C-alpha atoms as a PDB file:
ATOM      1  CA  MET A   1       7.029  15.107 -12.342  1.00  0.00           C
ATOM      2  CA  ALA A   2       5.163  13.468  -9.666  1.00  0.00           C
ATOM      3  CA  ASN A   3       4.861  15.650  -6.327  1.00  0.00           C
ATOM      4  CA  PRO A   4       4.196  13.336  -3.351  1.00  0.00           C
ATOM      5  CA  TRP A   5       3.573  16.143  -1.400  1.00  0.00           C
ATOM      6  CA  ALA A   6       0.001  16.424  -3.507  1.00  0.00           C
ATOM      7  CA  GLY A   7      -0.348  12.740  -3.126  1.00  0.00           C
ATOM      8  CA  GLU A   8       1.354  11.908  -6.299  1.00  0.00           C
ATOM      9  CA  VAL A   9       2.982   9.021  -7.445  1.00  0.00           C
ATOM     10  CA  ALA A  10       5.032   7.952 -10.916  1.00  0.00           C
ATOM     11  CA  LEU A  11       4.559   4.762 -12.538  1.00  0.00           C
ATOM     12  CA  VAL A  12       5.899   3.702 -16.063  1.00  0.00           C
ATOM     13  CA  ILE A  13       3.792   1.705 -17.886  1.00  0.00           C
ATOM     14  CA  ASP A  14       5.226   0.088 -21.344  1.00  0.00           C
ATOM     15  CA  GLY A  15       8.042   2.455 -21.234  1.00  0.00           C
ATOM     16  CA  GLN A  16       5.854   5.408 -20.882  1.00  0.00           C
ATOM     17  CA  ARG A  17       6.059   7.459 -17.365  1.00  0.00           C
ATOM     18  CA  HIS A  18       2.853   8.403 -15.742  1.00  0.00           C
ATOM     19  CA  VAL A  19       1.377  10.348 -12.969  1.00  0.00           C
ATOM     20  CA  LEU A  20      -1.154   8.693 -10.533  1.00  0.00           C
ATOM     21  CA  LYS A  21      -3.044  10.522  -8.056  1.00  0.00           C
ATOM     22  CA  LEU A  22      -5.975   9.181  -6.164  1.00  0.00           C
ATOM     23  CA  THR A  23      -8.714  12.396  -6.117  1.00  0.00           C
ATOM     24  CA  LEU A  24     -11.908  12.084  -4.791  1.00  0.00           C
ATOM     25  CA  GLY A  25     -13.590  11.598  -8.222  1.00  0.00           C
ATOM     26  CA  ALA A  26     -11.129   8.592  -8.661  1.00  0.00           C
ATOM     27  CA  LEU A  27     -11.762   7.130  -5.048  1.00  0.00           C
ATOM     28  CA  ALA A  28     -15.316   7.162  -5.857  1.00  0.00           C
ATOM     29  CA  GLU A  29     -14.756   5.531  -9.419  1.00  0.00           C
ATOM     30  CA  LEU A  30     -12.439   2.965  -7.647  1.00  0.00           C
ATOM     31  CA  GLU A  31     -15.228   2.217  -4.875  1.00  0.00           C
ATOM     32  CA  ALA A  32     -18.036   1.948  -7.532  1.00  0.00           C
ATOM     33  CA  GLY A  33     -15.611  -0.428  -9.383  1.00  0.00           C
ATOM     34  CA  LEU A  34     -14.586  -2.490  -6.952  1.00  0.00           C
ATOM     35  CA  GLU A  35     -18.088  -3.028  -5.432  1.00  0.00           C
ATOM     36  CA  SER A  36     -17.266  -2.289  -2.120  1.00  0.00           C
ATOM     37  CA  ASP A  37     -19.664  -0.968   0.464  1.00  0.00           C
ATOM     38  CA  SER A  38     -16.923   1.579   1.464  1.00  0.00           C
ATOM     39  CA  LEU A  39     -13.459   2.634   0.755  1.00  0.00           C
ATOM     40  CA  VAL A  40     -12.483   1.175   4.682  1.00  0.00           C
ATOM     41  CA  ASP A  41     -13.778  -2.168   3.503  1.00  0.00           C
ATOM     42  CA  LEU A  42     -11.729  -1.573   0.357  1.00  0.00           C
ATOM     43  CA  VAL A  43      -8.553  -0.992   2.356  1.00  0.00           C
ATOM     44  CA  ALA A  44      -9.156  -3.745   4.835  1.00  0.00           C
ATOM     45  CA  ARG A  45      -9.115  -6.064   1.919  1.00  0.00           C
ATOM     46  CA  PHE A  46      -5.527  -4.911   0.831  1.00  0.00           C
ATOM     47  CA  GLU A  47      -4.566  -4.633   4.191  1.00  0.00           C
ATOM     48  CA  SER A  48      -5.508  -8.408   4.681  1.00  0.00           C
ATOM     49  CA  GLY A  49      -4.112  -9.569   1.276  1.00  0.00           C
ATOM     50  CA  ALA A  50      -7.529 -10.476   0.196  1.00  0.00           C
ATOM     51  CA  PHE A  51      -7.428  -8.880  -2.937  1.00  0.00           C
ATOM     52  CA  SER A  52      -7.286 -10.012  -6.625  1.00  0.00           C
ATOM     53  CA  SER A  53      -5.232  -8.691  -9.585  1.00  0.00           C
ATOM     54  CA  ARG A  54      -8.468  -7.109 -10.864  1.00  0.00           C
ATOM     55  CA  ASP A  55      -8.254  -5.336  -7.249  1.00  0.00           C
ATOM     56  CA  VAL A  56      -4.893  -3.866  -8.167  1.00  0.00           C
ATOM     57  CA  LEU A  57      -5.550  -2.937 -12.049  1.00  0.00           C
ATOM     58  CA  ARG A  58      -8.720  -1.460 -10.731  1.00  0.00           C
ATOM     59  CA  LEU A  59      -6.522   0.760  -7.983  1.00  0.00           C
ATOM     60  CA  ILE A  60      -4.046   1.623 -10.984  1.00  0.00           C
ATOM     61  CA  VAL A  61      -6.841   2.857 -13.361  1.00  0.00           C
ATOM     62  CA  ALA A  62      -8.243   5.016 -10.510  1.00  0.00           C
ATOM     63  CA  GLY A  63      -4.991   6.640  -9.902  1.00  0.00           C
ATOM     64  CA  LEU A  64      -4.118   7.076 -13.614  1.00  0.00           C
ATOM     65  CA  ARG A  65      -7.543   8.978 -13.829  1.00  0.00           C
ATOM     66  CA  GLY A  66      -6.739  10.957 -11.288  1.00  0.00           C
ATOM     67  CA  GLY A  67      -3.633  11.841 -12.808  1.00  0.00           C
ATOM     68  CA  GLY A  68      -5.537  13.158 -15.968  1.00  0.00           C
ATOM     69  CA  TRP A  69      -4.858   9.893 -17.946  1.00  0.00           C
ATOM     70  CA  ARG A  70      -8.359   9.303 -20.073  1.00  0.00           C
ATOM     71  CA  GLY A  71      -7.845   5.414 -20.936  1.00  0.00           C
ATOM     72  CA  GLN A  72      -9.836   2.374 -19.709  1.00  0.00           C
ATOM     73  CA  ALA A  73      -8.643  -0.647 -17.783  1.00  0.00           C
ATOM     74  CA  GLY A  74      -8.627  -2.515 -20.814  1.00  0.00           C
ATOM     75  CA  ASP A  75      -6.268  -0.233 -22.694  1.00  0.00           C
ATOM     76  CA  LEU A  76      -3.962  -1.659 -19.803  1.00  0.00           C
ATOM     77  CA  VAL A  77      -4.376  -5.391 -20.286  1.00  0.00           C
ATOM     78  CA  SER A  78      -2.844  -6.128 -23.889  1.00  0.00           C
END
């Protein structure tokens, strides 16, 4: 069960429920994967609507990995 007080959210993918959490490690992986100068730049892209579907996929993968998932982005794109 997702705990919103701990920064967790739930997401159902292909009928399977997952818990997402943006841990420090997940945020660092996200920042590196998006090739942003900083997380502030990343947030600005989302706030301005200048994000792509690739950005959203990377955000979901980072949250999944922070929640303990061991897959890769390619596992979700099929």
